[in-house]
Amino acid sequence: METSRRDLMTAGALVAMLAPQGAEAQTMRAPPGLLEVLHVYADADGISRARRVRVHGNKPIPVETVLAGSIGPGRTHWGTAPNKRFSINITGDIDVELTDGTRHRIGKGDLVFIEDQRGKGHRSNMLTPVANLFLIVPDDFDLLAWAG
């Protein structure tokens, strides 16, 4: 399925609208002007881990499909990502637990790259109703090379 230019422009407009401003922007982990992505991946043993990756400059994303989804409060089962994807949290708060034992809070406007496609994976606890945009990328997409 091909993503239309209108879909990509809509997704970009939503991301821009969700970018923190004013006092809210000061609570972000990356210095102003830098994009930071929470990268969820599986190590060689299939253990899901996460790291923060700073993105330098403006980067095109090779999006194959844009999915929109919503879910009410509650916890998912342990599972892996079906494909490599960016997740843009539009509304709601999520507490994600990884198999390495760490937890990560994801809130409105946060960008996550999910590619833990093997092992036990991760599980999400939606603390409030959540709406997300998922940007599916090709299997050979390399986040670290892309981020620069």
C-alpha atoms as a PDB file:
ATOM      1  CA  MET A   1       0.000   0.000   0.000  1.00  0.00           C
ATOM      2  CA  GLU A   2       1.442   3.351  -0.992  1.00  0.00           C
ATOM      3  CA  THR A   3       1.215   6.315   1.346  1.00  0.00           C
ATOM      4  CA  SER A   4      -0.134   9.412  -0.363  1.00  0.00           C
ATOM      5  CA  ARG A   5       1.531  12.805  -0.163  1.00  0.00           C
ATOM      6  CA  ARG A   6      -1.575  14.076   1.672  1.00  0.00           C
ATOM      7  CA  ASP A   7      -1.160  11.376   4.365  1.00  0.00           C
ATOM      8  CA  LEU A   8       2.484  12.344   4.884  1.00  0.00           C
ATOM      9  CA  MET A   9       1.655  16.065   5.015  1.00  0.00           C
ATOM     10  CA  THR A  10      -1.102  15.367   7.556  1.00  0.00           C
ATOM     11  CA  ALA A  11       1.276  13.304   9.700  1.00  0.00           C
ATOM     12  CA  GLY A  12       3.911  16.071   9.517  1.00  0.00           C
ATOM     13  CA  ALA A  13       1.374  18.714  10.520  1.00  0.00           C
ATOM     14  CA  LEU A  14       0.304  16.607  13.510  1.00  0.00           C
ATOM     15  CA  VAL A  15       3.910  16.194  14.625  1.00  0.00           C
ATOM     16  CA  ALA A  16       4.489  19.953  14.367  1.00  0.00           C
ATOM     17  CA  MET A  17       1.320  20.700  16.348  1.00  0.00           C
ATOM     18  CA  LEU A  18       2.358  18.297  19.092  1.00  0.00           C
ATOM     19  CA  ALA A  19       5.854  19.726  19.547  1.00  0.00           C
ATOM     20  CA  PRO A  20       6.132  21.120  23.088  1.00  0.00           C
ATOM     21  CA  GLN A  21       6.350  24.870  23.395  1.00  0.00           C
ATOM     22  CA  GLY A  22       7.014  27.329  26.214  1.00  0.00           C
ATOM     23  CA  ALA A  23       7.532  25.878  29.682  1.00  0.00           C
ATOM     24  CA  GLU A  24       6.593  22.397  28.464  1.00  0.00           C
ATOM     25  CA  ALA A  25       9.533  22.387  26.033  1.00  0.00           C
ATOM     26  CA  GLN A  26      11.954  22.901  28.918  1.00  0.00           C
ATOM     27  CA  THR A  27      11.012  19.509  30.398  1.00  0.00           C
ATOM     28  CA  MET A  28      12.256  17.614  27.322  1.00  0.00           C
ATOM     29  CA  ARG A  29      15.477  15.628  27.721  1.00  0.00           C
ATOM     30  CA  ALA A  30      17.178  16.864  24.556  1.00  0.00           C
ATOM     31  CA  PRO A  31      18.449  20.452  24.403  1.00  0.00           C
ATOM     32  CA  PRO A  32      16.191  22.843  22.480  1.00  0.00           C
ATOM     33  CA  GLY A  33      16.391  22.342  18.739  1.00  0.00           C
ATOM     34  CA  LEU A  34      17.347  18.662  18.913  1.00  0.00           C
ATOM     35  CA  LEU A  35      14.999  15.800  18.196  1.00  0.00           C
ATOM     36  CA  GLU A  36      15.324  12.788  20.464  1.00  0.00           C
ATOM     37  CA  VAL A  37      13.910   9.340  19.716  1.00  0.00           C
ATOM     38  CA  LEU A  38      13.407   6.530  22.226  1.00  0.00           C
ATOM     39  CA  HIS A  39      14.857   3.530  20.362  1.00  0.00           C
ATOM     40  CA  VAL A  40      13.420   0.161  21.446  1.00  0.00           C
ATOM     41  CA  TYR A  41      15.455  -2.743  20.054  1.00  0.00           C
ATOM     42  CA  ALA A  42      16.376  -6.366  20.798  1.00  0.00           C
ATOM     43  CA  ASP A  43      19.985  -7.245  21.608  1.00  0.00           C
ATOM     44  CA  ALA A  44      21.782 -10.384  20.341  1.00  0.00           C
ATOM     45  CA  ASP A  45      20.081 -12.466  23.074  1.00  0.00           C
ATOM     46  CA  GLY A  46      16.577 -11.187  22.182  1.00  0.00           C
ATOM     47  CA  ILE A  47      16.343  -8.942  25.255  1.00  0.00           C
ATOM     48  CA  SER A  48      14.417  -5.733  24.547  1.00  0.00           C
ATOM     49  CA  ARG A  49      16.342  -2.624  25.524  1.00  0.00           C
ATOM     50  CA  ALA A  50      16.029   1.117  24.919  1.00  0.00           C
ATOM     51  CA  ARG A  51      18.335   4.053  24.352  1.00  0.00           C
ATOM     52  CA  ARG A  52      17.795   7.698  23.496  1.00  0.00           C
ATOM     53  CA  VAL A  53      19.035   8.737  20.045  1.00  0.00           C
ATOM     54  CA  ARG A  54      19.473  12.359  19.026  1.00  0.00           C
ATOM     55  CA  VAL A  55      18.613  13.219  15.434  1.00  0.00           C
ATOM     56  CA  HIS A  56      20.754  15.907  13.835  1.00  0.00           C
ATOM     57  CA  GLY A  57      19.367  17.993  10.957  1.00  0.00           C
ATOM     58  CA  ASN A  58      16.214  17.505   8.927  1.00  0.00           C
ATOM     59  CA  LYS A  59      15.828  13.921   7.775  1.00  0.00           C
ATOM     60  CA  PRO A  60      13.318  12.433   5.359  1.00  0.00           C
ATOM     61  CA  ILE A  61      11.661   9.267   6.680  1.00  0.00           C
ATOM     62  CA  PRO A  62      11.096   6.521   4.074  1.00  0.00           C
ATOM     63  CA  VAL A  63       7.521   5.777   5.151  1.00  0.00           C
ATOM     64  CA  GLU A  64       5.783   2.793   3.568  1.00  0.00           C
ATOM     65  CA  THR A  65       2.493   3.073   5.468  1.00  0.00           C
ATOM     66  CA  VAL A  66       0.884   5.398   8.002  1.00  0.00           C
ATOM     67  CA  LEU A  67      -1.416   3.757  10.555  1.00  0.00           C
ATOM     68  CA  ALA A  68      -3.575   5.543  13.102  1.00  0.00           C
ATOM     69  CA  GLY A  69      -4.671   3.738  16.227  1.00  0.00           C
ATOM     70  CA  SER A  70      -6.271   4.249  19.596  1.00  0.00           C
ATOM     71  CA  ILE A  71      -6.708   2.109  22.679  1.00  0.00           C
ATOM     72  CA  GLY A  72      -8.267   2.559  26.100  1.00  0.00           C
ATOM     73  CA  PRO A  73      -6.477   2.226  29.431  1.00  0.00           C
ATOM     74  CA  GLY A  74      -5.032  -1.180  30.244  1.00  0.00           C
ATOM     75  CA  ARG A  75      -2.004  -3.418  29.813  1.00  0.00           C
ATOM     76  CA  THR A  76      -1.006  -5.359  26.706  1.00  0.00           C
ATOM     77  CA  HIS A  77       0.525  -8.827  26.705  1.00  0.00           C
ATOM     78  CA  TRP A  78       4.255  -9.278  26.108  1.00  0.00           C
ATOM     79  CA  GLY A  79       4.967  -9.044  22.411  1.00  0.00           C
ATOM     80  CA  THR A  80       7.356  -7.953  19.703  1.00  0.00           C
ATOM     81  CA  ALA A  81       7.006  -5.351  16.974  1.00  0.00           C
ATOM     82  CA  PRO A  82       5.511  -6.792  13.760  1.00  0.00           C
ATOM     83  CA  ASN A  83       7.758  -4.484  11.713  1.00  0.00           C
ATOM     84  CA  LYS A  84      10.069  -1.499  12.117  1.00  0.00           C
ATOM     85  CA  ARG A  85       8.052   1.593  12.956  1.00  0.00           C
ATOM     86  CA  PHE A  86       8.079   5.037  14.401  1.00  0.00           C
ATOM     87  CA  SER A  87       5.307   5.685  16.913  1.00  0.00           C
ATOM     88  CA  ILE A  88       4.155   9.232  17.526  1.00  0.00           C
ATOM     89  CA  ASN A  89       2.077   9.509  20.667  1.00  0.00           C
ATOM     90  CA  ILE A  90      -0.726  11.980  19.952  1.00  0.00           C
ATOM     91  CA  THR A  91      -2.631  11.741  23.229  1.00  0.00           C
ATOM     92  CA  GLY A  92      -2.337   9.808  26.454  1.00  0.00           C
ATOM     93  CA  ASP A  93       0.337   8.393  28.709  1.00  0.00           C
ATOM     94  CA  ILE A  94       2.011   5.002  28.371  1.00  0.00           C
ATOM     95  CA  ASP A  95       4.360   3.122  30.692  1.00  0.00           C
ATOM     96  CA  VAL A  96       6.369   0.645  28.584  1.00  0.00           C
ATOM     97  CA  GLU A  97       8.150  -2.272  30.267  1.00  0.00           C
ATOM     98  CA  LEU A  98      11.034  -3.959  28.453  1.00  0.00           C
ATOM     99  CA  THR A  99      12.415  -7.444  29.039  1.00  0.00           C
ATOM    100  CA  ASP A 100      15.625  -5.929  30.429  1.00  0.00           C
ATOM    101  CA  GLY A 101      13.473  -4.776  33.383  1.00  0.00           C
ATOM    102  CA  THR A 102      13.438  -1.060  32.555  1.00  0.00           C
ATOM    103  CA  ARG A 103      10.325   1.074  32.229  1.00  0.00           C
ATOM    104  CA  HIS A 104       9.913   4.129  30.054  1.00  0.00           C
ATOM    105  CA  ARG A 105       7.176   6.764  30.235  1.00  0.00           C
ATOM    106  CA  ILE A 106       5.833   7.918  26.867  1.00  0.00           C
ATOM    107  CA  GLY A 107       3.645  11.013  26.730  1.00  0.00           C
ATOM    108  CA  LYS A 108       1.989  13.315  24.251  1.00  0.00           C
ATOM    109  CA  GLY A 109       4.303  14.247  21.383  1.00  0.00           C
ATOM    110  CA  ASP A 110       6.958  11.624  22.174  1.00  0.00           C
ATOM    111  CA  LEU A 111       8.606   9.820  19.261  1.00  0.00           C
ATOM    112  CA  VAL A 112       9.583   6.159  19.633  1.00  0.00           C
ATOM    113  CA  PHE A 113      11.306   3.882  17.110  1.00  0.00           C
ATOM    114  CA  ILE A 114      10.272   0.272  17.764  1.00  0.00           C
ATOM    115  CA  GLU A 115      12.243  -2.630  16.297  1.00  0.00           C
ATOM    116  CA  ASP A 116      12.355  -5.343  18.963  1.00  0.00           C
ATOM    117  CA  GLN A 117      11.164  -7.970  16.515  1.00  0.00           C
ATOM    118  CA  ARG A 118      12.424 -11.053  18.369  1.00  0.00           C
ATOM    119  CA  GLY A 119      12.598 -12.370  21.899  1.00  0.00           C
ATOM    120  CA  LYS A 120       9.927 -11.714  24.535  1.00  0.00           C
ATOM    121  CA  GLY A 121       9.591  -8.064  23.513  1.00  0.00           C
ATOM    122  CA  HIS A 122       7.827  -5.413  25.538  1.00  0.00           C
ATOM    123  CA  ARG A 123       4.447  -4.675  27.064  1.00  0.00           C
ATOM    124  CA  SER A 124       2.604  -1.409  27.346  1.00  0.00           C
ATOM    125  CA  ASN A 125       0.441  -0.096  30.151  1.00  0.00           C
ATOM    126  CA  MET A 126      -1.864   2.614  28.825  1.00  0.00           C
ATOM    127  CA  LEU A 127      -2.374   4.847  31.845  1.00  0.00           C
ATOM    128  CA  THR A 128      -5.014   6.882  29.967  1.00  0.00           C
ATOM    129  CA  PRO A 129      -6.712   6.496  26.584  1.00  0.00           C
ATOM    130  CA  VAL A 130      -3.985   6.656  23.919  1.00  0.00           C
ATOM    131  CA  ALA A 131      -3.960   7.676  20.253  1.00  0.00           C
ATOM    132  CA  ASN A 132      -0.875   7.016  18.110  1.00  0.00           C
ATOM    133  CA  LEU A 133       0.358   7.433  14.577  1.00  0.00           C
ATOM    134  CA  PHE A 134       2.601   4.621  13.357  1.00  0.00           C
ATOM    135  CA  LEU A 135       5.007   5.279  10.477  1.00  0.00           C
ATOM    136  CA  ILE A 136       6.020   1.901   9.031  1.00  0.00           C
ATOM    137  CA  VAL A 137       9.491   1.946   7.450  1.00  0.00           C
ATOM    138  CA  PRO A 138      11.329  -0.592   5.236  1.00  0.00           C
ATOM    139  CA  ASP A 139      12.915  -3.662   6.850  1.00  0.00           C
ATOM    140  CA  ASP A 140      16.404  -2.385   5.999  1.00  0.00           C
ATOM    141  CA  PHE A 141      15.880   1.008   7.719  1.00  0.00           C
ATOM    142  CA  ASP A 142      18.775   1.753  10.115  1.00  0.00           C
ATOM    143  CA  LEU A 143      17.798   4.298  12.784  1.00  0.00           C
ATOM    144  CA  LEU A 144      21.359   5.045  13.930  1.00  0.00           C
ATOM    145  CA  ALA A 145      22.621   5.677  10.386  1.00  0.00           C
ATOM    146  CA  TRP A 146      19.545   7.813   9.661  1.00  0.00           C
ATOM    147  CA  ALA A 147      19.923   9.879  12.848  1.00  0.00           C
ATOM    148  CA  GLY A 148      23.476  10.849  11.871  1.00  0.00           C
END
